[in-house]
Amino acid sequence: PTLPARIFCLSRSGDWAAAALTLDTGRA
């Protein structure tokens, strides 16, 4: 999966903190 797909799935599982952290990491 791509990073956006991973972030979406993290949010769907309820792990919003991990999703936001993954987005910040991908951005950096």
mmCIF file of all heavy atoms, coordinates in Angstrom:
data_MODEL
# 
_entry.id   MODEL 
# 
loop_
_atom_site.group_PDB 
_atom_site.id 
_atom_site.type_symbol 
_atom_site.label_atom_id 
_atom_site.label_alt_id 
_atom_site.label_comp_id 
_atom_site.label_asym_id 
_atom_site.label_entity_id 
_atom_site.label_seq_id 
_atom_site.pdbx_PDB_ins_code 
_atom_site.Cartn_x 
_atom_site.Cartn_y 
_atom_site.Cartn_z 
_atom_site.occupancy 
_atom_site.B_iso_or_equiv 
_atom_site.pdbx_formal_charge 
_atom_site.auth_seq_id 
_atom_site.auth_comp_id 
_atom_site.auth_asym_id 
_atom_site.auth_atom_id 
_atom_site.pdbx_PDB_model_num 
ATOM 1   N N   . PRO A 1 1  ? 0.825   -1.207 0.000  1.00 0.00 ? 1  PRO A N   1 
ATOM 2   C CA  . PRO A 1 1  ? 0.000   0.000  0.000  1.00 0.00 ? 1  PRO A CA  1 
ATOM 3   C C   . PRO A 1 1  ? 0.861   1.260  0.000  1.00 0.00 ? 1  PRO A C   1 
ATOM 4   O O   . PRO A 1 1  ? 1.971   1.270  0.516  1.00 0.00 ? 1  PRO A O   1 
ATOM 5   C CB  . PRO A 1 1  ? -0.783  -0.122 1.308  1.00 0.00 ? 1  PRO A CB  1 
ATOM 6   C CG  . PRO A 1 1  ? 0.104   -0.953 2.179  1.00 0.00 ? 1  PRO A CG  1 
ATOM 7   C CD  . PRO A 1 1  ? 0.789   -1.929 1.267  1.00 0.00 ? 1  PRO A CD  1 
ATOM 8   N N   . THR A 1 2  ? 0.353   2.312  -0.576 1.00 0.00 ? 2  THR A N   1 
ATOM 9   C CA  . THR A 1 2  ? 1.046   3.593  -0.522 1.00 0.00 ? 2  THR A CA  1 
ATOM 10  C C   . THR A 1 2  ? 0.866   4.210  0.859  1.00 0.00 ? 2  THR A C   1 
ATOM 11  O O   . THR A 1 2  ? 0.020   3.791  1.653  1.00 0.00 ? 2  THR A O   1 
ATOM 12  C CB  . THR A 1 2  ? 0.484   4.554  -1.569 1.00 0.00 ? 2  THR A CB  1 
ATOM 13  O OG1 . THR A 1 2  ? -0.906  4.742  -1.310 1.00 0.00 ? 2  THR A OG1 1 
ATOM 14  C CG2 . THR A 1 2  ? 0.675   4.014  -2.970 1.00 0.00 ? 2  THR A CG2 1 
ATOM 15  N N   . LEU A 1 3  ? 1.614   5.251  1.132  1.00 0.00 ? 3  LEU A N   1 
ATOM 16  C CA  . LEU A 1 3  ? 1.515   5.908  2.427  1.00 0.00 ? 3  LEU A CA  1 
ATOM 17  C C   . LEU A 1 3  ? 0.130   6.515  2.662  1.00 0.00 ? 3  LEU A C   1 
ATOM 18  O O   . LEU A 1 3  ? -0.429  6.378  3.757  1.00 0.00 ? 3  LEU A O   1 
ATOM 19  C CB  . LEU A 1 3  ? 2.607   6.973  2.552  1.00 0.00 ? 3  LEU A CB  1 
ATOM 20  C CG  . LEU A 1 3  ? 2.950   7.412  3.980  1.00 0.00 ? 3  LEU A CG  1 
ATOM 21  C CD1 . LEU A 1 3  ? 3.361   6.217  4.822  1.00 0.00 ? 3  LEU A CD1 1 
ATOM 22  C CD2 . LEU A 1 3  ? 4.066   8.449  3.955  1.00 0.00 ? 3  LEU A CD2 1 
ATOM 23  N N   . PRO A 1 4  ? -0.483  7.196  1.660  1.00 0.00 ? 4  PRO A N   1 
ATOM 24  C CA  . PRO A 1 4  ? -1.843  7.692  1.889  1.00 0.00 ? 4  PRO A CA  1 
ATOM 25  C C   . PRO A 1 4  ? -2.830  6.577  2.241  1.00 0.00 ? 4  PRO A C   1 
ATOM 26  O O   . PRO A 1 4  ? -3.710  6.767  3.079  1.00 0.00 ? 4  PRO A O   1 
ATOM 27  C CB  . PRO A 1 4  ? -2.200  8.366  0.562  1.00 0.00 ? 4  PRO A CB  1 
ATOM 28  C CG  . PRO A 1 4  ? -0.888  8.776  -0.013 1.00 0.00 ? 4  PRO A CG  1 
ATOM 29  C CD  . PRO A 1 4  ? 0.060   7.680  0.372  1.00 0.00 ? 4  PRO A CD  1 
ATOM 30  N N   . ALA A 1 5  ? -2.685  5.410  1.590  1.00 0.00 ? 5  ALA A N   1 
ATOM 31  C CA  . ALA A 1 5  ? -3.579  4.295  1.912  1.00 0.00 ? 5  ALA A CA  1 
ATOM 32  C C   . ALA A 1 5  ? -3.345  3.810  3.344  1.00 0.00 ? 5  ALA A C   1 
ATOM 33  O O   . ALA A 1 5  ? -4.291  3.488  4.069  1.00 0.00 ? 5  ALA A O   1 
ATOM 34  C CB  . ALA A 1 5  ? -3.375  3.157  0.921  1.00 0.00 ? 5  ALA A CB  1 
ATOM 35  N N   . ARG A 1 6  ? -2.084  3.777  3.773  1.00 0.00 ? 6  ARG A N   1 
ATOM 36  C CA  . ARG A 1 6  ? -1.783  3.376  5.144  1.00 0.00 ? 6  ARG A CA  1 
ATOM 37  C C   . ARG A 1 6  ? -2.397  4.357  6.148  1.00 0.00 ? 6  ARG A C   1 
ATOM 38  O O   . ARG A 1 6  ? -2.963  3.964  7.162  1.00 0.00 ? 6  ARG A O   1 
ATOM 39  C CB  . ARG A 1 6  ? -0.269  3.318  5.348  1.00 0.00 ? 6  ARG A CB  1 
ATOM 40  C CG  . ARG A 1 6  ? 0.433   2.174  4.636  1.00 0.00 ? 6  ARG A CG  1 
ATOM 41  C CD  . ARG A 1 6  ? 1.924   2.224  4.935  1.00 0.00 ? 6  ARG A CD  1 
ATOM 42  N NE  . ARG A 1 6  ? 2.685   1.250  4.179  1.00 0.00 ? 6  ARG A NE  1 
ATOM 43  C CZ  . ARG A 1 6  ? 2.878   -0.003 4.560  1.00 0.00 ? 6  ARG A CZ  1 
ATOM 44  N NH1 . ARG A 1 6  ? 2.347   -0.422 5.703  1.00 0.00 ? 6  ARG A NH1 1 
ATOM 45  N NH2 . ARG A 1 6  ? 3.582   -0.828 3.825  1.00 0.00 ? 6  ARG A NH2 1 
ATOM 46  N N   . ILE A 1 7  ? -2.260  5.650  5.855  1.00 0.00 ? 7  ILE A N   1 
ATOM 47  C CA  . ILE A 1 7  ? -2.802  6.672  6.761  1.00 0.00 ? 7  ILE A CA  1 
ATOM 48  C C   . ILE A 1 7  ? -4.316  6.541  6.861  1.00 0.00 ? 7  ILE A C   1 
ATOM 49  O O   . ILE A 1 7  ? -4.907  6.614  7.948  1.00 0.00 ? 7  ILE A O   1 
ATOM 50  C CB  . ILE A 1 7  ? -2.392  8.067  6.282  1.00 0.00 ? 7  ILE A CB  1 
ATOM 51  C CG1 . ILE A 1 7  ? -0.873  8.238  6.389  1.00 0.00 ? 7  ILE A CG1 1 
ATOM 52  C CG2 . ILE A 1 7  ? -3.106  9.155  7.070  1.00 0.00 ? 7  ILE A CG2 1 
ATOM 53  C CD1 . ILE A 1 7  ? -0.348  9.490  5.714  1.00 0.00 ? 7  ILE A CD1 1 
ATOM 54  N N   . PHE A 1 8  ? -4.968  6.337  5.726  1.00 0.00 ? 8  PHE A N   1 
ATOM 55  C CA  . PHE A 1 8  ? -6.421  6.166  5.723  1.00 0.00 ? 8  PHE A CA  1 
ATOM 56  C C   . PHE A 1 8  ? -6.817  4.967  6.576  1.00 0.00 ? 8  PHE A C   1 
ATOM 57  O O   . PHE A 1 8  ? -7.754  5.043  7.384  1.00 0.00 ? 8  PHE A O   1 
ATOM 58  C CB  . PHE A 1 8  ? -6.915  5.981  4.289  1.00 0.00 ? 8  PHE A CB  1 
ATOM 59  C CG  . PHE A 1 8  ? -8.362  5.597  4.185  1.00 0.00 ? 8  PHE A CG  1 
ATOM 60  C CD1 . PHE A 1 8  ? -9.358  6.534  4.390  1.00 0.00 ? 8  PHE A CD1 1 
ATOM 61  C CD2 . PHE A 1 8  ? -8.726  4.291  3.882  1.00 0.00 ? 8  PHE A CD2 1 
ATOM 62  C CE1 . PHE A 1 8  ? -10.700 6.181  4.297  1.00 0.00 ? 8  PHE A CE1 1 
ATOM 63  C CE2 . PHE A 1 8  ? -10.059 3.928  3.786  1.00 0.00 ? 8  PHE A CE2 1 
ATOM 64  C CZ  . PHE A 1 8  ? -11.042 4.875  4.006  1.00 0.00 ? 8  PHE A CZ  1 
ATOM 65  N N   . CYS A 1 9  ? -6.097  3.849  6.431  1.00 0.00 ? 9  CYS A N   1 
ATOM 66  C CA  . CYS A 1 9  ? -6.460  2.648  7.170  1.00 0.00 ? 9  CYS A CA  1 
ATOM 67  C C   . CYS A 1 9  ? -6.187  2.798  8.666  1.00 0.00 ? 9  CYS A C   1 
ATOM 68  O O   . CYS A 1 9  ? -6.920  2.257  9.491  1.00 0.00 ? 9  CYS A O   1 
ATOM 69  C CB  . CYS A 1 9  ? -5.714  1.449  6.598  1.00 0.00 ? 9  CYS A CB  1 
ATOM 70  S SG  . CYS A 1 9  ? -6.431  0.858  5.044  1.00 0.00 ? 9  CYS A SG  1 
ATOM 71  N N   . LEU A 1 10 ? -5.133  3.524  9.014  1.00 0.00 ? 10 LEU A N   1 
ATOM 72  C CA  . LEU A 1 10 ? -4.900  3.785  10.434 1.00 0.00 ? 10 LEU A CA  1 
ATOM 73  C C   . LEU A 1 10 ? -6.067  4.558  11.043 1.00 0.00 ? 10 LEU A C   1 
ATOM 74  O O   . LEU A 1 10 ? -6.511  4.273  12.164 1.00 0.00 ? 10 LEU A O   1 
ATOM 75  C CB  . LEU A 1 10 ? -3.596  4.561  10.619 1.00 0.00 ? 10 LEU A CB  1 
ATOM 76  C CG  . LEU A 1 10 ? -2.301  3.758  10.452 1.00 0.00 ? 10 LEU A CG  1 
ATOM 77  C CD1 . LEU A 1 10 ? -1.095  4.687  10.409 1.00 0.00 ? 10 LEU A CD1 1 
ATOM 78  C CD2 . LEU A 1 10 ? -2.156  2.749  11.602 1.00 0.00 ? 10 LEU A CD2 1 
ATOM 79  N N   . SER A 1 11 ? -6.583  5.535  10.307 1.00 0.00 ? 11 SER A N   1 
ATOM 80  C CA  . SER A 1 11 ? -7.729  6.305  10.811 1.00 0.00 ? 11 SER A CA  1 
ATOM 81  C C   . SER A 1 11 ? -8.978  5.439  10.893 1.00 0.00 ? 11 SER A C   1 
ATOM 82  O O   . SER A 1 11 ? -9.775  5.567  11.821 1.00 0.00 ? 11 SER A O   1 
ATOM 83  C CB  . SER A 1 11 ? -7.976  7.523  9.920  1.00 0.00 ? 11 SER A CB  1 
ATOM 84  O OG  . SER A 1 11 ? -8.462  7.140  8.648  1.00 0.00 ? 11 SER A OG  1 
ATOM 85  N N   . ARG A 1 12 ? -9.152  4.529  9.936  1.00 0.00 ? 12 ARG A N   1 
ATOM 86  C CA  . ARG A 1 12 ? -10.329 3.663  9.948  1.00 0.00 ? 12 ARG A CA  1 
ATOM 87  C C   . ARG A 1 12 ? -10.295 2.696  11.131 1.00 0.00 ? 12 ARG A C   1 
ATOM 88  O O   . ARG A 1 12 ? -11.337 2.266  11.624 1.00 0.00 ? 12 ARG A O   1 
ATOM 89  C CB  . ARG A 1 12 ? -10.420 2.872  8.647  1.00 0.00 ? 12 ARG A CB  1 
ATOM 90  C CG  . ARG A 1 12 ? -10.769 3.715  7.431  1.00 0.00 ? 12 ARG A CG  1 
ATOM 91  C CD  . ARG A 1 12 ? -12.108 4.369  7.558  1.00 0.00 ? 12 ARG A CD  1 
ATOM 92  N NE  . ARG A 1 12 ? -13.204 3.417  7.526  1.00 0.00 ? 12 ARG A NE  1 
ATOM 93  C CZ  . ARG A 1 12 ? -14.422 3.663  7.981  1.00 0.00 ? 12 ARG A CZ  1 
ATOM 94  N NH1 . ARG A 1 12 ? -14.690 4.823  8.544  1.00 0.00 ? 12 ARG A NH1 1 
ATOM 95  N NH2 . ARG A 1 12 ? -15.365 2.761  7.902  1.00 0.00 ? 12 ARG A NH2 1 
ATOM 96  N N   . SER A 1 13 ? -9.080  2.341  11.571 1.00 0.00 ? 13 SER A N   1 
ATOM 97  C CA  . SER A 1 13 ? -8.969  1.451  12.725 1.00 0.00 ? 13 SER A CA  1 
ATOM 98  C C   . SER A 1 13 ? -9.098  2.212  14.048 1.00 0.00 ? 13 SER A C   1 
ATOM 99  O O   . SER A 1 13 ? -9.063  1.601  15.113 1.00 0.00 ? 13 SER A O   1 
ATOM 100 C CB  . SER A 1 13 ? -7.627  0.719  12.685 1.00 0.00 ? 13 SER A CB  1 
ATOM 101 O OG  . SER A 1 13 ? -6.553  1.622  12.876 1.00 0.00 ? 13 SER A OG  1 
ATOM 102 N N   . GLY A 1 14 ? -9.215  3.540  13.963 1.00 0.00 ? 14 GLY A N   1 
ATOM 103 C CA  . GLY A 1 14 ? -9.360  4.342  15.164 1.00 0.00 ? 14 GLY A CA  1 
ATOM 104 C C   . GLY A 1 14 ? -8.064  4.860  15.741 1.00 0.00 ? 14 GLY A C   1 
ATOM 105 O O   . GLY A 1 14 ? -8.072  5.562  16.759 1.00 0.00 ? 14 GLY A O   1 
ATOM 106 N N   . ASP A 1 15 ? -6.949  4.554  15.090 1.00 0.00 ? 15 ASP A N   1 
ATOM 107 C CA  . ASP A 1 15 ? -5.653  5.005  15.594 1.00 0.00 ? 15 ASP A CA  1 
ATOM 108 C C   . ASP A 1 15 ? -5.310  6.346  14.960 1.00 0.00 ? 15 ASP A C   1 
ATOM 109 O O   . ASP A 1 15 ? -4.428  6.456  14.101 1.00 0.00 ? 15 ASP A O   1 
ATOM 110 C CB  . ASP A 1 15 ? -4.578  3.957  15.293 1.00 0.00 ? 15 ASP A CB  1 
ATOM 111 C CG  . ASP A 1 15 ? -3.326  4.151  16.141 1.00 0.00 ? 15 ASP A CG  1 
ATOM 112 O OD1 . ASP A 1 15 ? -3.182  5.246  16.727 1.00 0.00 ? 15 ASP A OD1 1 
ATOM 113 O OD2 . ASP A 1 15 ? -2.501  3.228  16.197 1.00 0.00 ? 15 ASP A OD2 1 
ATOM 114 N N   . TRP A 1 16 ? -6.012  7.390  15.383 1.00 0.00 ? 16 TRP A N   1 
ATOM 115 C CA  . TRP A 1 16 ? -5.842  8.713  14.772 1.00 0.00 ? 16 TRP A CA  1 
ATOM 116 C C   . TRP A 1 16 ? -4.461  9.298  15.069 1.00 0.00 ? 16 TRP A C   1 
ATOM 117 O O   . TRP A 1 16 ? -3.873  9.979  14.219 1.00 0.00 ? 16 TRP A O   1 
ATOM 118 C CB  . TRP A 1 16 ? -6.926  9.661  15.295 1.00 0.00 ? 16 TRP A CB  1 
ATOM 119 C CG  . TRP A 1 16 ? -8.284  9.225  14.866 1.00 0.00 ? 16 TRP A CG  1 
ATOM 120 C CD1 . TRP A 1 16 ? -9.108  8.342  15.509 1.00 0.00 ? 16 TRP A CD1 1 
ATOM 121 C CD2 . TRP A 1 16 ? -8.971  9.611  13.680 1.00 0.00 ? 16 TRP A CD2 1 
ATOM 122 N NE1 . TRP A 1 16 ? -10.272 8.167  14.800 1.00 0.00 ? 16 TRP A NE1 1 
ATOM 123 C CE2 . TRP A 1 16 ? -10.216 8.935  13.668 1.00 0.00 ? 16 TRP A CE2 1 
ATOM 124 C CE3 . TRP A 1 16 ? -8.662  10.464 12.626 1.00 0.00 ? 16 TRP A CE3 1 
ATOM 125 C CZ2 . TRP A 1 16 ? -11.136 9.089  12.658 1.00 0.00 ? 16 TRP A CZ2 1 
ATOM 126 C CZ3 . TRP A 1 16 ? -9.586  10.624 11.605 1.00 0.00 ? 16 TRP A CZ3 1 
ATOM 127 C CH2 . TRP A 1 16 ? -10.807 9.934  11.629 1.00 0.00 ? 16 TRP A CH2 1 
ATOM 128 N N   . ALA A 1 17 ? -3.911  9.015  16.244 1.00 0.00 ? 17 ALA A N   1 
ATOM 129 C CA  . ALA A 1 17 ? -2.586  9.538  16.585 1.00 0.00 ? 17 ALA A CA  1 
ATOM 130 C C   . ALA A 1 17 ? -1.522  8.956  15.665 1.00 0.00 ? 17 ALA A C   1 
ATOM 131 O O   . ALA A 1 17 ? -0.646  9.673  15.167 1.00 0.00 ? 17 ALA A O   1 
ATOM 132 C CB  . ALA A 1 17 ? -2.260  9.217  18.038 1.00 0.00 ? 17 ALA A CB  1 
ATOM 133 N N   . ALA A 1 18 ? -1.603  7.642  15.412 1.00 0.00 ? 18 ALA A N   1 
ATOM 134 C CA  . ALA A 1 18 ? -0.642  7.013  14.510 1.00 0.00 ? 18 ALA A CA  1 
ATOM 135 C C   . ALA A 1 18 ? -0.806  7.531  13.088 1.00 0.00 ? 18 ALA A C   1 
ATOM 136 O O   . ALA A 1 18 ? 0.176   7.713  12.359 1.00 0.00 ? 18 ALA A O   1 
ATOM 137 C CB  . ALA A 1 18 ? -0.798  5.499  14.542 1.00 0.00 ? 18 ALA A CB  1 
ATOM 138 N N   . ALA A 1 19 ? -2.055  7.785  12.678 1.00 0.00 ? 19 ALA A N   1 
ATOM 139 C CA  . ALA A 1 19 ? -2.299  8.318  11.339 1.00 0.00 ? 19 ALA A CA  1 
ATOM 140 C C   . ALA A 1 19 ? -1.678  9.704  11.188 1.00 0.00 ? 19 ALA A C   1 
ATOM 141 O O   . ALA A 1 19 ? -1.019  10.009 10.187 1.00 0.00 ? 19 ALA A O   1 
ATOM 142 C CB  . ALA A 1 19 ? -3.797  8.362  11.053 1.00 0.00 ? 19 ALA A CB  1 
ATOM 143 N N   . ALA A 1 20 ? -1.877  10.551 12.193 1.00 0.00 ? 20 ALA A N   1 
ATOM 144 C CA  . ALA A 1 20 ? -1.306  11.898 12.139 1.00 0.00 ? 20 ALA A CA  1 
ATOM 145 C C   . ALA A 1 20 ? 0.215   11.858 12.171 1.00 0.00 ? 20 ALA A C   1 
ATOM 146 O O   . ALA A 1 20 ? 0.893   12.607 11.451 1.00 0.00 ? 20 ALA A O   1 
ATOM 147 C CB  . ALA A 1 20 ? -1.838  12.729 13.307 1.00 0.00 ? 20 ALA A CB  1 
ATOM 148 N N   . LEU A 1 21 ? 0.775   10.962 12.982 1.00 0.00 ? 21 LEU A N   1 
ATOM 149 C CA  . LEU A 1 21 ? 2.233   10.838 13.052 1.00 0.00 ? 21 LEU A CA  1 
ATOM 150 C C   . LEU A 1 21 ? 2.796   10.348 11.727 1.00 0.00 ? 21 LEU A C   1 
ATOM 151 O O   . LEU A 1 21 ? 3.837   10.833 11.250 1.00 0.00 ? 21 LEU A O   1 
ATOM 152 C CB  . LEU A 1 21 ? 2.614   9.876  14.178 1.00 0.00 ? 21 LEU A CB  1 
ATOM 153 C CG  . LEU A 1 21 ? 4.120   9.613  14.367 1.00 0.00 ? 21 LEU A CG  1 
ATOM 154 C CD1 . LEU A 1 21 ? 4.849   10.923 14.675 1.00 0.00 ? 21 LEU A CD1 1 
ATOM 155 C CD2 . LEU A 1 21 ? 4.349   8.582  15.456 1.00 0.00 ? 21 LEU A CD2 1 
ATOM 156 N N   . THR A 1 22 ? 2.111   9.392  11.095 1.00 0.00 ? 22 THR A N   1 
ATOM 157 C CA  . THR A 1 22 ? 2.564   8.889  9.794  1.00 0.00 ? 22 THR A CA  1 
ATOM 158 C C   . THR A 1 22 ? 2.508   9.981  8.739  1.00 0.00 ? 22 THR A C   1 
ATOM 159 O O   . THR A 1 22 ? 3.404   10.091 7.890  1.00 0.00 ? 22 THR A O   1 
ATOM 160 C CB  . THR A 1 22 ? 1.705   7.683  9.366  1.00 0.00 ? 22 THR A CB  1 
ATOM 161 O OG1 . THR A 1 22 ? 1.731   6.693  10.391 1.00 0.00 ? 22 THR A OG1 1 
ATOM 162 C CG2 . THR A 1 22 ? 2.222   7.075  8.080  1.00 0.00 ? 22 THR A CG2 1 
ATOM 163 N N   . LEU A 1 23 ? 1.465   10.811 8.779  1.00 0.00 ? 23 LEU A N   1 
ATOM 164 C CA  . LEU A 1 23 ? 1.373   11.933 7.847  1.00 0.00 ? 23 LEU A CA  1 
ATOM 165 C C   . LEU A 1 23 ? 2.531   12.913 8.068  1.00 0.00 ? 23 LEU A C   1 
ATOM 166 O O   . LEU A 1 23 ? 3.164   13.366 7.109  1.00 0.00 ? 23 LEU A O   1 
ATOM 167 C CB  . LEU A 1 23 ? 0.037   12.641 8.007  1.00 0.00 ? 23 LEU A CB  1 
ATOM 168 C CG  . LEU A 1 23 ? -0.171  13.911 7.179  1.00 0.00 ? 23 LEU A CG  1 
ATOM 169 C CD1 . LEU A 1 23 ? -0.022  13.611 5.686  1.00 0.00 ? 23 LEU A CD1 1 
ATOM 170 C CD2 . LEU A 1 23 ? -1.543  14.533 7.460  1.00 0.00 ? 23 LEU A CD2 1 
ATOM 171 N N   . ASP A 1 24 ? 2.819   13.235 9.323  1.00 0.00 ? 24 ASP A N   1 
ATOM 172 C CA  . ASP A 1 24 ? 3.928   14.149 9.617  1.00 0.00 ? 24 ASP A CA  1 
ATOM 173 C C   . ASP A 1 24 ? 5.255   13.562 9.140  1.00 0.00 ? 24 ASP A C   1 
ATOM 174 O O   . ASP A 1 24 ? 6.106   14.272 8.579  1.00 0.00 ? 24 ASP A O   1 
ATOM 175 C CB  . ASP A 1 24 ? 4.003   14.421 11.119 1.00 0.00 ? 24 ASP A CB  1 
ATOM 176 C CG  . ASP A 1 24 ? 2.860   15.290 11.610 1.00 0.00 ? 24 ASP A CG  1 
ATOM 177 O OD1 . ASP A 1 24 ? 2.265   15.998 10.765 1.00 0.00 ? 24 ASP A OD1 1 
ATOM 178 O OD2 . ASP A 1 24 ? 2.557   15.268 12.814 1.00 0.00 ? 24 ASP A OD2 1 
ATOM 179 N N   . THR A 1 25 ? 5.450   12.259 9.337  1.00 0.00 ? 25 THR A N   1 
ATOM 180 C CA  . THR A 1 25 ? 6.680   11.609 8.907  1.00 0.00 ? 25 THR A CA  1 
ATOM 181 C C   . THR A 1 25 ? 6.806   11.628 7.386  1.00 0.00 ? 25 THR A C   1 
ATOM 182 O O   . THR A 1 25 ? 7.871   11.941 6.835  1.00 0.00 ? 25 THR A O   1 
ATOM 183 C CB  . THR A 1 25 ? 6.716   10.160 9.413  1.00 0.00 ? 25 THR A CB  1 
ATOM 184 O OG1 . THR A 1 25 ? 6.595   10.150 10.833 1.00 0.00 ? 25 THR A OG1 1 
ATOM 185 C CG2 . THR A 1 25 ? 8.005   9.475  8.999  1.00 0.00 ? 25 THR A CG2 1 
ATOM 186 N N   . GLY A 1 26 ? 5.714   11.300 6.703  1.00 0.00 ? 26 GLY A N   1 
ATOM 187 C CA  . GLY A 1 26 ? 5.738   11.331 5.244  1.00 0.00 ? 26 GLY A CA  1 
ATOM 188 C C   . GLY A 1 26 ? 5.994   12.718 4.704  1.00 0.00 ? 26 GLY A C   1 
ATOM 189 O O   . GLY A 1 26 ? 6.700   12.895 3.696  1.00 0.00 ? 26 GLY A O   1 
ATOM 190 N N   . ARG A 1 27 ? 5.447   13.715 5.372  1.00 0.00 ? 27 ARG A N   1 
ATOM 191 C CA  . ARG A 1 27 ? 5.656   15.106 4.972  1.00 0.00 ? 27 ARG A CA  1 
ATOM 192 C C   . ARG A 1 27 ? 7.125   15.477 5.135  1.00 0.00 ? 27 ARG A C   1 
ATOM 193 O O   . ARG A 1 27 ? 7.746   16.088 4.253  1.00 0.00 ? 27 ARG A O   1 
ATOM 194 C CB  . ARG A 1 27 ? 4.755   15.995 5.818  1.00 0.00 ? 27 ARG A CB  1 
ATOM 195 C CG  . ARG A 1 27 ? 4.721   17.449 5.425  1.00 0.00 ? 27 ARG A CG  1 
ATOM 196 C CD  . ARG A 1 27 ? 3.839   18.202 6.424  1.00 0.00 ? 27 ARG A CD  1 
ATOM 197 N NE  . ARG A 1 27 ? 2.452   17.773 6.378  1.00 0.00 ? 27 ARG A NE  1 
ATOM 198 C CZ  . ARG A 1 27 ? 1.666   17.682 7.444  1.00 0.00 ? 27 ARG A CZ  1 
ATOM 199 N NH1 . ARG A 1 27 ? 2.143   17.946 8.653  1.00 0.00 ? 27 ARG A NH1 1 
ATOM 200 N NH2 . ARG A 1 27 ? 0.407   17.328 7.311  1.00 0.00 ? 27 ARG A NH2 1 
ATOM 201 N N   . ALA A 1 28 ? 7.730   15.089 6.278  1.00 0.00 ? 28 ALA A N   1 
ATOM 202 C CA  . ALA A 1 28 ? 9.124   15.434 6.554  1.00 0.00 ? 28 ALA A CA  1 
ATOM 203 C C   . ALA A 1 28 ? 10.079  14.727 5.601  1.00 0.00 ? 28 ALA A C   1 
ATOM 204 O O   . ALA A 1 28 ? 11.117  15.282 5.209  1.00 0.00 ? 28 ALA A O   1 
ATOM 205 C CB  . ALA A 1 28 ? 9.462   15.074 7.995  1.00 0.00 ? 28 ALA A CB  1 
# 
